[in-house]
Amino acid sequence: MTVPALTAETRWRCTLCGNLTRFDVTRTARVTEFLHFDLAGESKIEETQVLSETVESVRCRWCNAVDQVELVARPGAADGVEAPEQA
């Protein structure tokens, strides 16, 4: 199943329970990272550039539904799409 891509104006919502905040995301990413090592040999990632990324699945943390997400507008989204009303 294709997982809908997030944008600055959208967010995920579980279609079964309505969850908007907690998801387990399985993804594959190809990145380039700049590592900085201190004199003791400890490393710290200072820059990350994502070259490609694929979201393979999304599981709702509330109801354990797998790949049951839809895109909904974020509150105050710039594109003028109305966000669903909260009860």
C-alpha atoms as a PDB file:
ATOM      1  CA  MET A   1       0.000   0.000   0.000  1.00  0.00           C
ATOM      2  CA  THR A   2       1.240   3.487  -0.811  1.00  0.00           C
ATOM      3  CA  VAL A   3       1.585   5.754   2.205  1.00  0.00           C
ATOM      4  CA  PRO A   4       0.506   9.344   1.509  1.00  0.00           C
ATOM      5  CA  ALA A   5       3.374  11.827   1.674  1.00  0.00           C
ATOM      6  CA  LEU A   6       3.277  14.560   4.303  1.00  0.00           C
ATOM      7  CA  THR A   7       3.575  18.202   3.319  1.00  0.00           C
ATOM      8  CA  ALA A   8       3.852  21.471   5.223  1.00  0.00           C
ATOM      9  CA  GLU A   9       0.047  21.818   4.987  1.00  0.00           C
ATOM     10  CA  THR A  10      -0.963  18.231   5.837  1.00  0.00           C
ATOM     11  CA  ARG A  11      -0.603  15.608   8.535  1.00  0.00           C
ATOM     12  CA  TRP A  12      -1.553  11.962   8.993  1.00  0.00           C
ATOM     13  CA  ARG A  13      -4.790  10.770  10.601  1.00  0.00           C
ATOM     14  CA  CYS A  14      -5.738   7.154  11.371  1.00  0.00           C
ATOM     15  CA  THR A  15      -8.968   6.351   9.534  1.00  0.00           C
ATOM     16  CA  LEU A  16     -10.005   3.798  12.171  1.00  0.00           C
ATOM     17  CA  CYS A  17      -9.572   5.635  15.488  1.00  0.00           C
ATOM     18  CA  GLY A  18      -8.850   9.270  14.534  1.00  0.00           C
ATOM     19  CA  ASN A  19      -5.305   9.376  16.005  1.00  0.00           C
ATOM     20  CA  LEU A  20      -3.311  12.409  14.830  1.00  0.00           C
ATOM     21  CA  THR A  21      -0.205  12.174  17.001  1.00  0.00           C
ATOM     22  CA  ARG A  22       1.314   8.699  17.466  1.00  0.00           C
ATOM     23  CA  PHE A  23       2.537   6.476  14.614  1.00  0.00           C
ATOM     24  CA  ASP A  24       5.240   3.863  14.097  1.00  0.00           C
ATOM     25  CA  VAL A  25       6.791   4.591  10.704  1.00  0.00           C
ATOM     26  CA  THR A  26       8.918   2.080   8.787  1.00  0.00           C
ATOM     27  CA  ARG A  27      11.017   3.868   6.203  1.00  0.00           C
ATOM     28  CA  THR A  28      14.064   3.377   4.052  1.00  0.00           C
ATOM     29  CA  ALA A  29      16.373   6.363   3.678  1.00  0.00           C
ATOM     30  CA  ARG A  30      19.569   7.037   1.778  1.00  0.00           C
ATOM     31  CA  VAL A  31      21.490   9.859   3.461  1.00  0.00           C
ATOM     32  CA  THR A  32      24.826  11.605   3.492  1.00  0.00           C
ATOM     33  CA  GLU A  33      25.991  12.608   6.954  1.00  0.00           C
ATOM     34  CA  PHE A  34      28.809  14.845   8.126  1.00  0.00           C
ATOM     35  CA  LEU A  35      30.355  13.272  11.216  1.00  0.00           C
ATOM     36  CA  HIS A  36      32.538  15.246  13.621  1.00  0.00           C
ATOM     37  CA  PHE A  37      34.830  13.195  15.842  1.00  0.00           C
ATOM     38  CA  ASP A  38      36.293  14.642  19.043  1.00  0.00           C
ATOM     39  CA  LEU A  39      39.836  13.778  20.154  1.00  0.00           C
ATOM     40  CA  ALA A  40      38.515  10.884  22.269  1.00  0.00           C
ATOM     41  CA  GLY A  41      36.948   9.340  19.153  1.00  0.00           C
ATOM     42  CA  GLU A  42      33.299  10.087  19.997  1.00  0.00           C
ATOM     43  CA  SER A  43      31.275  11.085  16.968  1.00  0.00           C
ATOM     44  CA  LYS A  44      28.435  13.537  16.514  1.00  0.00           C
ATOM     45  CA  ILE A  45      26.320  13.978  13.386  1.00  0.00           C
ATOM     46  CA  GLU A  46      26.465  17.659  12.468  1.00  0.00           C
ATOM     47  CA  GLU A  47      24.720  17.629   9.081  1.00  0.00           C
ATOM     48  CA  THR A  48      22.365  15.222   7.359  1.00  0.00           C
ATOM     49  CA  GLN A  49      21.302  15.401   3.737  1.00  0.00           C
ATOM     50  CA  VAL A  50      18.445  13.075   2.730  1.00  0.00           C
ATOM     51  CA  LEU A  51      19.107  11.814  -0.787  1.00  0.00           C
ATOM     52  CA  SER A  52      16.014   9.603  -1.018  1.00  0.00           C
ATOM     53  CA  GLU A  53      13.366   8.357   1.369  1.00  0.00           C
ATOM     54  CA  THR A  54      10.543   5.843   1.068  1.00  0.00           C
ATOM     55  CA  VAL A  55       7.879   5.368   3.722  1.00  0.00           C
ATOM     56  CA  GLU A  56       7.057   1.658   3.662  1.00  0.00           C
ATOM     57  CA  SER A  57       4.338   1.459   6.300  1.00  0.00           C
ATOM     58  CA  VAL A  58       2.638   3.444   9.036  1.00  0.00           C
ATOM     59  CA  ARG A  59       1.094   1.766  12.105  1.00  0.00           C
ATOM     60  CA  CYS A  60      -1.209   3.619  14.480  1.00  0.00           C
ATOM     61  CA  ARG A  61       0.075   3.483  18.068  1.00  0.00           C
ATOM     62  CA  TRP A  62      -3.452   3.767  19.491  1.00  0.00           C
ATOM     63  CA  CYS A  63      -5.289   0.976  17.652  1.00  0.00           C
ATOM     64  CA  ASN A  64      -2.431  -0.904  15.891  1.00  0.00           C
ATOM     65  CA  ALA A  65      -4.027  -0.395  12.463  1.00  0.00           C
ATOM     66  CA  VAL A  66      -1.462  -0.851   9.696  1.00  0.00           C
ATOM     67  CA  ASP A  67      -1.478   1.390   6.640  1.00  0.00           C
ATOM     68  CA  GLN A  68      -4.803   3.009   7.552  1.00  0.00           C
ATOM     69  CA  VAL A  69      -3.720   6.651   7.311  1.00  0.00           C
ATOM     70  CA  GLU A  70      -5.095   9.535   5.322  1.00  0.00           C
ATOM     71  CA  LEU A  71      -3.919  13.087   4.799  1.00  0.00           C
ATOM     72  CA  VAL A  72      -5.806  15.879   6.533  1.00  0.00           C
ATOM     73  CA  ALA A  73      -5.103  19.594   6.676  1.00  0.00           C
ATOM     74  CA  ARG A  74      -3.001  20.902   9.551  1.00  0.00           C
ATOM     75  CA  PRO A  75      -4.635  23.566  11.710  1.00  0.00           C
ATOM     76  CA  GLY A  76      -3.999  26.959  10.144  1.00  0.00           C
ATOM     77  CA  ALA A  77      -2.699  25.436   6.902  1.00  0.00           C
ATOM     78  CA  ALA A  78      -1.625  28.127   4.451  1.00  0.00           C
ATOM     79  CA  ASP A  79      -3.501  26.639   1.490  1.00  0.00           C
ATOM     80  CA  GLY A  80      -6.893  27.429   3.011  1.00  0.00           C
ATOM     81  CA  VAL A  81      -8.084  23.816   3.327  1.00  0.00           C
ATOM     82  CA  GLU A  82     -10.436  23.487   6.256  1.00  0.00           C
ATOM     83  CA  ALA A  83      -9.206  21.240   9.053  1.00  0.00           C
ATOM     84  CA  PRO A  84     -11.728  18.743  10.443  1.00  0.00           C
ATOM     85  CA  GLU A  85     -13.683  20.121  13.390  1.00  0.00           C
ATOM     86  CA  GLN A  86     -12.864  18.686  16.809  1.00  0.00           C
ATOM     87  CA  ALA A  87     -15.807  17.516  18.940  1.00  0.00           C
END
